[in-house]
């Protein structure tokens, strides 16, 4: 019987090695990797191309529902598909926040009607969240829960706010270490990870200052805040068995704290982002407020430490913290008033491929961007790998091509990004989601609404 699709003659990044193979697909699933063999109803010549597993961006902010003018699931997943990301995992700080199974179901309905590629959802851990509520979210299908240290939450709307200061009565503190420790045994028992924005709020309050220049950003959000939070969470993990995902790791101090926690027995999964691997404080002169994000892009010594952590395997995955805003909220404001964050899902794979080439292992990019996040979020073996039985999420990349990050080519609502102007020596030629073409030569194709919710394996 003929396969639905055969991608022939590409250099395929399978778990463990790069090999020449033909990828056979039927019913949206990979059926074999044998060279030659049966014919396909559709055949694609991938000679000279890399064939990578579709990216799994474990850390995106769709802004949908609540702020669709910044980004919705249609524009988010169009940008994802264009860059080779076939599964996005959305953070819960939308409006309303994903704090209950009912809101989870509402968000799934919204995303399902708009998404071009598949998606997963995080749930929000609040300061008053009870074990039964966390279990309800996990049973509903969240990949895990997220705690925002260093932020505040509006009591009535449940909106996450970019400050640790409780400046009006409608703001409440996010969960602290006590609330996390109280829920940790229940989450560990359920097998659900806790992702944490690691900036200690007490340290941030102590170092708060007016921001006139980028040096003030670094002084107000020091690496010490990240290291203190990671150390505390490492102790909680070591005592309870909770898997803690340290998201957007930004500093050498944070990496050192994580290393110490792992040595003591903590279950810490480390994630960093392309902006921390490509940029430093010196890029502020070129990028201005577009460089502003929390935690901040830091010094060259931090960048070097993170690259080494990635090479050594201490840092398991690269995600984007894709966080778009309206241009007027970034470029039209002073540095102090500009909102933190940058889009990035579209440039994740090319940026990581360039790093992997410089480190001498092209398939490392597939581990960082696809396999490691899929495993950590319990989406493997359905997602993140090219092997029989996995979804046919496939990215065909030209290693002799080039990707230039330019505003006119981006597909997010906010087209300016922190990697503006970067050049990477790879070009994404075709992207398949469950065997269906969703992007060609950097442009999304196909109809929104074909994306599906991906639930973690129990």
Protein backbone atom coordinates (compact mmCIF):
# COMPACT_ATOMS: atom_id res chain seq x y z
CA UNK A 1 0.00 0.00 0.00
CA UNK A 2 1.32 3.42 -0.91
CA UNK A 3 2.12 5.89 1.85
CA UNK A 4 0.34 9.23 1.93
CA UNK A 5 3.67 11.07 1.84
CA UNK A 6 7.30 10.09 1.35
CA UNK A 7 10.13 12.56 1.97
CA UNK A 8 13.09 11.04 0.17
CA UNK A 9 16.84 11.32 0.46
CA UNK A 10 17.16 13.88 3.23
CA UNK A 11 19.65 13.86 6.10
CA UNK A 12 17.29 12.99 8.94
CA UNK A 13 17.93 13.97 12.57
CA UNK A 14 16.72 10.86 14.37
CA UNK A 15 17.27 10.40 18.13
CA UNK A 16 20.97 9.83 18.53
CA UNK A 17 22.27 10.43 15.02
CA UNK A 18 21.99 12.04 11.61
CA UNK A 19 21.29 9.53 8.82
CA UNK A 20 20.17 9.42 5.21
CA UNK A 21 16.63 8.08 5.13
CA UNK A 22 13.23 8.20 3.47
CA UNK A 23 10.45 9.28 5.83
CA UNK A 24 7.18 7.46 5.09
CA UNK A 25 3.96 8.99 6.44
CA UNK A 26 0.41 7.67 6.54
CA UNK A 27 -2.55 9.05 8.47
CA UNK A 28 -0.39 11.92 9.77
CA UNK A 29 2.01 9.50 11.50
CA UNK A 30 5.54 8.36 10.59
CA UNK A 31 5.38 4.71 9.52
CA UNK A 32 9.00 3.97 8.56
CA UNK A 33 12.40 5.49 7.86
CA UNK A 34 13.62 2.92 5.38
CA UNK A 35 15.47 4.05 2.24
CA UNK A 36 13.77 3.06 -1.00
CA UNK A 37 10.68 0.99 -0.29
CA UNK A 38 7.12 1.71 -1.32
CA UNK A 39 5.87 4.69 -3.22
CA UNK A 40 3.92 7.63 -1.85
CA UNK A 41 0.84 9.39 -3.14
CA UNK A 42 2.95 12.51 -2.67
CA UNK A 43 6.73 12.39 -2.89
CA UNK A 44 9.14 15.14 -1.90
CA UNK A 45 12.79 15.20 -2.89
CA UNK A 46 14.76 16.26 0.20
CA UNK A 47 18.20 15.69 -1.30
CA UNK A 48 20.70 18.12 0.20
CA UNK A 49 18.28 19.11 2.98
CA UNK A 50 18.15 18.42 6.70
CA UNK A 51 14.94 16.80 7.93
CA UNK A 52 14.30 17.81 11.54
CA UNK A 53 11.50 17.03 13.99
CA UNK A 54 9.02 19.86 14.29
CA UNK A 55 9.92 22.27 17.03
CA UNK A 56 8.13 22.24 20.40
CA UNK A 57 8.29 25.75 21.85
CA UNK A 58 7.58 25.13 25.52
CA UNK A 59 7.22 28.82 26.38
CA UNK A 60 5.02 31.14 24.34
CA UNK A 61 2.49 33.85 25.25
CA UNK A 62 -0.40 33.92 22.79
CA UNK A 63 -2.16 36.91 24.50
CA UNK A 64 -5.36 35.07 23.50
CA UNK A 65 -7.90 35.48 25.05
CA UNK A 66 -7.64 38.95 26.52
CA UNK A 67 -5.20 40.86 24.32
CA UNK A 68 -5.69 39.59 20.73
CA UNK A 69 -4.53 42.94 19.33
CA UNK A 70 -1.03 41.93 20.52
CA UNK A 71 -1.24 38.32 19.30
CA UNK A 72 -3.87 35.63 18.87
CA UNK A 73 -3.56 31.92 18.15
CA UNK A 74 -3.85 32.50 14.41
CA UNK A 75 -0.90 34.92 14.18
CA UNK A 76 1.12 33.04 16.82
CA UNK A 77 0.84 29.70 15.05
CA UNK A 78 1.38 31.21 11.61
CA UNK A 79 4.71 32.57 12.87
CA UNK A 80 5.49 29.23 14.50
CA UNK A 81 4.81 27.28 11.31
CA UNK A 82 6.90 29.68 9.22
CA UNK A 83 9.92 28.97 11.41
CA UNK A 84 9.53 25.21 11.86
CA UNK A 85 7.73 25.07 15.21
CA UNK A 86 4.82 22.62 14.97
CA UNK A 87 3.75 22.60 18.63
CA UNK A 88 3.42 25.71 20.81
CA UNK A 89 2.86 25.47 24.56
CA UNK A 90 1.08 28.57 25.80
CA UNK A 91 1.57 30.22 29.16
CA UNK A 92 -1.52 30.88 31.32
CA UNK A 93 -1.30 34.65 31.83
CA UNK A 94 -4.13 35.43 29.45
CA UNK A 95 -7.39 37.07 30.47
CA UNK A 96 -8.90 35.17 32.16
CA UNK A 97 -5.94 33.24 33.49
CA UNK A 98 -6.02 29.45 33.15
CA UNK A 99 -6.75 28.71 36.81
CA UNK A 100 -9.65 26.26 36.42
CA UNK A 101 -10.76 23.42 34.18
CA UNK A 102 -13.59 25.63 32.90
CA UNK A 103 -11.21 28.36 31.70
CA UNK A 104 -8.92 25.68 30.28
CA UNK A 105 -11.82 24.34 28.20
CA UNK A 106 -12.71 27.85 26.98
CA UNK A 107 -9.13 28.50 25.91
CA UNK A 108 -8.92 25.14 24.12
CA UNK A 109 -12.02 26.08 22.14
CA UNK A 110 -10.55 29.45 21.16
CA UNK A 111 -7.17 27.99 20.19
CA UNK A 112 -8.73 25.10 18.26
CA UNK A 113 -10.67 27.54 16.09
CA UNK A 114 -7.56 29.54 15.13
CA UNK A 115 -4.40 27.46 15.43
CA UNK A 116 -2.48 26.38 12.34
CA UNK A 117 -0.25 23.98 14.31
CA UNK A 118 -0.77 21.91 17.45
CA UNK A 119 -0.72 23.42 20.93
CA UNK A 120 -0.50 22.60 24.62
CA UNK A 121 -1.43 24.77 27.60
CA UNK A 122 0.11 25.58 30.97
CA UNK A 123 -2.11 26.27 34.00
CA UNK A 124 -1.55 29.11 36.48
CA UNK A 125 -0.48 28.49 40.07
CA UNK A 126 -1.93 31.27 42.23
CA UNK A 127 -1.20 32.15 45.84
CA UNK A 128 -4.50 30.59 46.95
CA UNK A 129 -4.49 27.57 44.61
CA UNK A 130 -5.53 24.40 46.42
CA UNK A 131 -4.29 20.89 45.69
CA UNK A 132 -7.73 19.88 44.37
CA UNK A 133 -7.71 22.80 41.92
CA UNK A 134 -4.23 21.91 40.70
CA UNK A 135 -5.32 18.29 40.23
CA UNK A 136 -8.41 19.44 38.31
CA UNK A 137 -6.21 21.35 35.87
CA UNK A 138 -3.82 18.43 35.43
CA UNK A 139 -6.71 16.03 34.82
CA UNK A 140 -8.13 18.49 32.27
CA UNK A 141 -4.91 18.34 30.27
CA UNK A 142 -2.45 21.11 31.17
CA UNK A 143 1.20 20.17 30.68
CA UNK A 144 1.98 21.58 34.12
CA UNK A 145 1.53 24.71 36.22
CA UNK A 146 3.36 28.03 36.05
CA UNK A 147 4.33 30.30 38.95
CA UNK A 148 5.31 33.92 38.24
CA UNK A 149 7.78 35.01 40.92
CA UNK A 150 8.55 38.71 40.72
CA UNK A 151 5.09 39.70 39.46
CA UNK A 152 1.72 40.65 40.92
CA UNK A 153 -1.80 39.44 40.06
CA UNK A 154 -5.00 41.50 39.84
CA UNK A 155 -7.54 40.05 42.28
CA UNK A 156 -10.60 40.66 40.15
CA UNK A 157 -9.43 40.05 36.58
CA UNK A 158 -6.59 37.58 37.47
CA UNK A 159 -4.27 39.43 35.11
CA UNK A 160 -0.54 38.99 35.72
CA UNK A 161 1.15 42.41 36.14
CA UNK A 162 4.81 43.25 35.43
CA UNK A 163 5.80 44.29 38.96
CA UNK A 164 6.55 42.77 42.37
CA UNK A 165 5.19 45.92 44.03
CA UNK A 166 1.66 45.68 45.47
CA UNK A 167 0.88 49.28 44.58
CA UNK A 168 -2.92 49.13 44.88
CA UNK A 169 -5.46 47.03 46.81
CA UNK A 170 -6.50 45.09 43.72
CA UNK A 171 -3.04 43.50 43.45
CA UNK A 172 -2.03 40.34 45.26
CA UNK A 173 1.35 38.70 45.50
CA UNK A 174 2.07 35.65 43.35
CA UNK A 175 2.70 32.34 45.13
CA UNK A 176 5.86 32.42 47.22
CA UNK A 177 8.09 29.55 48.25
CA UNK A 178 5.68 28.56 51.03
CA UNK A 179 2.71 28.18 48.67
CA UNK A 180 4.87 26.28 46.20
CA UNK A 181 6.20 23.97 48.92
CA UNK A 182 2.66 23.33 50.17
CA UNK A 183 1.50 22.16 46.72
CA UNK A 184 4.74 20.47 45.66
CA UNK A 185 3.90 16.97 47.00
CA UNK A 186 0.54 16.96 45.18
CA UNK A 187 2.11 18.09 41.91
CA UNK A 188 4.91 15.55 42.26
CA UNK A 189 2.35 12.79 42.87
CA UNK A 190 0.47 13.83 39.72
CA UNK A 191 3.68 13.87 37.70
CA UNK A 192 3.08 17.48 36.67
CA UNK A 193 6.02 19.89 36.44
CA UNK A 194 6.03 23.41 37.83
CA UNK A 195 7.50 26.06 35.54
CA UNK A 196 8.77 29.10 37.42
CA UNK A 197 9.74 32.62 36.42
CA UNK A 198 12.78 32.73 38.73
CA UNK A 199 13.30 36.25 40.05
CA UNK A 200 13.02 36.53 43.82
CA UNK A 201 10.50 39.33 44.56
CA UNK A 202 12.20 40.43 47.80
CA UNK A 203 15.47 40.93 45.96
CA UNK A 204 13.68 42.84 43.19
CA UNK A 205 11.95 45.12 45.70
CA UNK A 206 15.24 45.79 47.47
CA UNK A 207 17.00 46.78 44.24
CA UNK A 208 14.13 48.68 42.61
CA UNK A 209 15.11 52.02 41.05
CA UNK A 210 13.97 54.41 38.30
CA UNK A 211 15.14 53.20 34.91
CA UNK A 212 16.86 55.78 32.73
CA UNK A 213 19.37 53.55 30.90
CA UNK A 214 20.04 49.88 30.38
CA UNK A 215 22.47 49.76 33.31
CA UNK A 216 19.47 50.58 35.53
CA UNK A 217 17.55 47.60 34.09
CA UNK A 218 20.41 45.29 35.04
CA UNK A 219 20.79 46.88 38.48
CA UNK A 220 17.05 46.68 39.22
CA UNK A 221 16.77 43.00 38.21
CA UNK A 222 20.15 41.55 39.26
CA UNK A 223 21.26 38.01 38.54
CA UNK A 224 21.19 37.52 42.32
CA UNK A 225 17.38 37.52 42.15
CA UNK A 226 17.50 34.61 39.70
CA UNK A 227 20.06 32.67 41.73
CA UNK A 228 18.16 33.08 45.02
CA UNK A 229 14.92 31.85 43.46
CA UNK A 230 16.59 28.84 41.82
CA UNK A 231 18.33 27.90 45.08
CA UNK A 232 15.06 28.00 47.01
CA UNK A 233 13.18 26.02 44.38
CA UNK A 234 15.99 23.50 44.23
CA UNK A 235 15.58 22.89 47.98
CA UNK A 236 11.81 22.41 47.55
CA UNK A 237 12.37 20.02 44.65
CA UNK A 238 14.99 18.01 46.51
CA UNK A 239 12.67 17.62 49.52
CA UNK A 240 9.46 16.80 47.62
CA UNK A 241 10.45 15.27 44.28
CA UNK A 242 8.73 18.07 42.35
CA UNK A 243 10.04 18.60 38.82
CA UNK A 244 10.80 22.32 38.55
CA UNK A 245 11.28 23.84 35.09
CA UNK A 246 13.51 26.90 35.39
CA UNK A 247 12.32 28.95 32.42
CA UNK A 248 14.30 31.60 30.50
CA UNK A 249 17.56 31.11 32.45
CA UNK A 250 19.56 34.28 31.90
CA UNK A 251 22.70 34.30 34.05
CA UNK A 252 25.89 32.53 35.04
CA UNK A 253 24.83 32.91 38.70
CA UNK A 254 21.50 31.24 37.99
CA UNK A 255 23.22 28.37 36.21
CA UNK A 256 25.59 27.91 39.15
CA UNK A 257 22.65 27.80 41.59
CA UNK A 258 20.90 25.22 39.42
CA UNK A 259 24.06 23.14 39.18
CA UNK A 260 24.30 23.07 42.98
CA UNK A 261 20.65 22.10 43.29
CA UNK A 262 21.01 19.20 40.85
CA UNK A 263 24.06 17.94 42.76
CA UNK A 264 21.93 17.95 45.92
CA UNK A 265 19.22 15.87 44.24
CA UNK A 266 16.82 18.50 42.90
CA UNK A 267 14.82 17.72 39.76
CA UNK A 268 15.53 20.89 37.80
CA UNK A 269 14.96 21.19 34.05
CA UNK A 270 16.73 24.23 32.64
CA UNK A 271 15.48 26.29 29.72
CA UNK A 272 17.14 29.29 28.13
CA UNK A 273 16.18 31.45 25.14
CA UNK A 274 17.88 32.60 21.92
CA UNK A 275 18.02 36.20 23.13
CA UNK A 276 20.30 35.16 26.01
CA UNK A 277 22.48 33.10 23.66
CA UNK A 278 22.91 35.76 20.96
CA UNK A 279 22.66 39.15 22.72
CA UNK A 280 24.30 41.09 25.55
CA UNK A 281 23.85 44.45 27.23
CA UNK A 282 25.99 45.97 24.46
CA UNK A 283 23.14 45.40 22.00
CA UNK A 284 20.99 48.00 23.74
CA UNK A 285 22.59 50.80 21.75
CA UNK A 286 21.35 49.11 18.54
CA UNK A 287 17.99 47.73 19.73
CA UNK A 288 16.82 50.23 22.35
CA UNK A 289 13.67 49.22 24.28
CA UNK A 290 13.26 46.13 22.08
CA UNK A 291 15.98 44.56 24.26
CA UNK A 292 13.93 45.05 27.42
CA UNK A 293 12.66 41.76 28.85
CA UNK A 294 12.43 40.03 32.23
CA UNK A 295 14.81 38.60 33.23
CA UNK A 296 17.08 40.93 31.31
CA UNK A 297 19.67 40.14 28.69
CA UNK A 298 22.92 40.45 30.64
CA UNK A 299 26.69 40.49 30.09
CA UNK A 300 28.99 38.61 27.72
CA UNK A 301 30.13 36.40 30.63
CA UNK A 302 26.51 35.31 31.14
CA UNK A 303 26.07 34.54 27.46
CA UNK A 304 29.26 32.46 27.43
CA UNK A 305 28.17 30.51 30.51
CA UNK A 306 24.77 29.72 28.99
CA UNK A 307 26.32 28.57 25.71
CA UNK A 308 28.62 26.26 27.65
CA UNK A 309 25.67 24.97 29.71
CA UNK A 310 23.87 24.18 26.49
CA UNK A 311 26.91 22.41 25.04
CA UNK A 312 27.42 20.34 28.20
CA UNK A 313 23.78 19.32 28.43
CA UNK A 314 23.12 21.06 31.75
CA UNK A 315 20.63 23.28 29.93
CA UNK A 316 18.18 20.87 28.31
CA UNK A 317 16.05 23.03 26.05
CA UNK A 318 15.77 26.32 24.24
CA UNK A 319 12.38 28.06 24.11
CA UNK A 320 11.50 31.63 23.21
CA UNK A 321 9.38 33.29 25.90
CA UNK A 322 7.56 34.65 22.82
CA UNK A 323 5.97 37.78 24.30
CA UNK A 324 4.66 40.26 21.73
CA UNK A 325 3.29 43.74 22.43
CA UNK A 326 1.94 46.50 20.24
CA UNK A 327 4.78 48.58 18.76
CA UNK A 328 3.50 51.64 20.64
CA UNK A 329 4.08 49.71 23.91
CA UNK A 330 7.71 49.02 23.02
CA UNK A 331 9.13 51.45 20.48
CA UNK A 332 6.85 54.38 21.33
CA UNK A 333 7.81 54.61 25.01
CA UNK A 334 10.79 55.41 27.20
CA UNK A 335 12.85 52.49 28.48
CA UNK A 336 11.20 52.81 31.89
CA UNK A 337 7.66 52.66 30.41
CA UNK A 338 8.28 50.11 27.63
CA UNK A 339 6.72 46.73 28.35
CA UNK A 340 9.11 43.78 28.67
CA UNK A 341 9.19 41.01 26.09
CA UNK A 342 9.80 40.21 22.44
CA UNK A 343 8.35 37.85 19.84
CA UNK A 344 10.65 34.98 18.91
CA UNK A 345 8.86 31.76 17.92
CA UNK A 346 9.59 32.26 14.22
CA UNK A 347 13.36 32.49 14.68
CA UNK A 348 13.81 29.71 17.27
CA UNK A 349 14.97 26.93 14.96
CA UNK A 350 17.30 28.92 12.66
CA UNK A 351 19.00 30.60 15.63
CA UNK A 352 19.58 27.25 17.37
CA UNK A 353 20.80 25.56 14.20
CA UNK A 354 23.48 28.23 13.86
CA UNK A 355 24.61 27.63 17.46
CA UNK A 356 24.56 23.85 16.91
CA UNK A 357 26.70 24.20 13.77
CA UNK A 358 29.24 26.28 15.67
CA UNK A 359 29.30 23.60 18.38
CA UNK A 360 29.83 20.86 15.78
CA UNK A 361 26.57 18.91 16.17
CA UNK A 362 23.65 19.90 13.96
CA UNK A 363 21.28 17.42 15.60
CA UNK A 364 21.81 19.19 18.92
CA UNK A 365 19.36 21.82 17.67
CA UNK A 366 16.67 19.13 17.32
CA UNK A 367 17.36 17.97 20.88
CA UNK A 368 17.12 21.50 22.30
CA UNK A 369 14.11 22.63 20.31
CA UNK A 370 12.09 19.42 19.85
CA UNK A 371 13.07 16.27 21.74
CA UNK A 372 13.98 17.73 25.15
CA UNK A 373 10.84 19.87 25.55
CA UNK A 374 8.63 17.03 24.32
CA UNK A 375 10.15 14.66 26.87
CA UNK A 376 10.01 17.16 29.75
CA UNK A 377 6.36 18.01 29.05
CA UNK A 378 5.37 14.33 28.56
CA UNK A 379 4.49 14.87 24.89
CA UNK A 380 7.09 12.31 23.75
CA UNK A 381 7.07 9.97 21.83
CA UNK A 382 4.17 11.56 19.93
CA UNK A 383 6.08 14.83 19.54
CA UNK A 384 9.71 15.88 19.30
CA UNK A 385 11.29 13.00 17.37
CA UNK A 386 11.42 11.44 13.92
CA UNK A 387 10.74 7.76 14.44
CA UNK A 388 7.91 5.36 13.57
CA UNK A 389 4.75 6.05 15.56
CA UNK A 390 5.47 9.76 16.09
CA UNK A 391 3.37 12.50 14.53
CA UNK A 392 4.76 13.49 11.14
CA UNK A 393 5.88 16.93 12.30
CA UNK A 394 8.79 17.53 9.93
CA UNK A 395 10.96 20.51 9.02
CA UNK A 396 13.00 20.57 5.82
CA UNK A 397 15.96 22.93 6.17
CA UNK A 398 18.52 24.05 3.60
CA UNK A 399 21.93 24.13 5.33
CA UNK A 400 23.30 26.25 2.48
CA UNK A 401 20.53 28.84 2.79
CA UNK A 402 20.26 31.92 4.96
CA UNK A 403 17.67 33.42 7.28
CA UNK A 404 17.88 37.18 7.79
CA UNK A 405 15.65 38.42 10.58
CA UNK A 406 13.81 41.38 9.08
CA UNK A 407 10.59 43.11 10.10
CA UNK A 408 8.98 42.68 6.67
CA UNK A 409 9.36 38.89 6.84
CA UNK A 410 7.92 38.25 10.31
CA UNK A 411 4.39 36.88 10.83
CA UNK A 412 3.62 37.81 14.45
CA UNK A 413 1.43 40.84 15.13
CA UNK A 414 4.52 42.52 16.57
CA UNK A 415 7.09 42.22 13.80
CA UNK A 416 9.99 43.95 15.51
CA UNK A 417 11.93 41.55 17.72
CA UNK A 418 15.09 41.32 19.80
CA UNK A 419 16.89 39.36 17.05
CA UNK A 420 16.25 42.04 14.41
CA UNK A 421 19.13 42.11 11.94
CA UNK A 422 20.61 38.71 12.84
CA UNK A 423 21.65 36.35 10.04
CA UNK A 424 21.61 32.57 10.39
CA UNK A 425 23.09 30.19 7.82
CA UNK A 426 19.99 28.03 7.36
CA UNK A 427 16.67 28.46 5.55
CA UNK A 428 13.44 26.64 6.37
CA UNK A 429 12.10 25.28 3.08
CA UNK A 430 9.02 23.27 4.11
CA UNK A 431 7.18 22.46 7.34
CA UNK A 432 4.72 19.60 7.84
CA UNK A 433 2.35 19.23 10.79
CA UNK A 434 0.98 15.69 11.07
CA UNK A 435 1.95 15.15 7.45
CA UNK A 436 0.21 18.28 6.15
CA UNK A 437 2.19 21.14 4.61
CA UNK A 438 1.81 24.25 6.80
CA UNK A 439 4.70 26.43 5.58
CA UNK A 440 6.77 26.78 2.43
CA UNK A 441 9.94 28.89 2.12
CA UNK A 442 9.24 30.83 5.31
CA UNK A 443 5.57 31.57 4.64
CA UNK A 444 2.64 29.81 6.34
CA UNK A 445 0.13 27.97 4.18
CA UNK A 446 -3.06 26.13 5.08
CA UNK A 447 -6.14 27.10 7.00
CA UNK A 448 -6.22 28.25 10.65
CA UNK A 449 -8.19 25.91 12.86
CA UNK A 450 -6.43 22.66 11.92
CA UNK A 451 -4.25 22.70 15.07
CA UNK A 452 -5.14 20.31 17.89
CA UNK A 453 -4.67 20.30 21.64
CA UNK A 454 -1.87 17.95 22.71
CA UNK A 455 -2.36 16.49 26.18
CA UNK A 456 0.59 15.04 28.11
CA UNK A 457 0.89 11.30 28.57
CA UNK A 458 -0.26 10.37 32.12
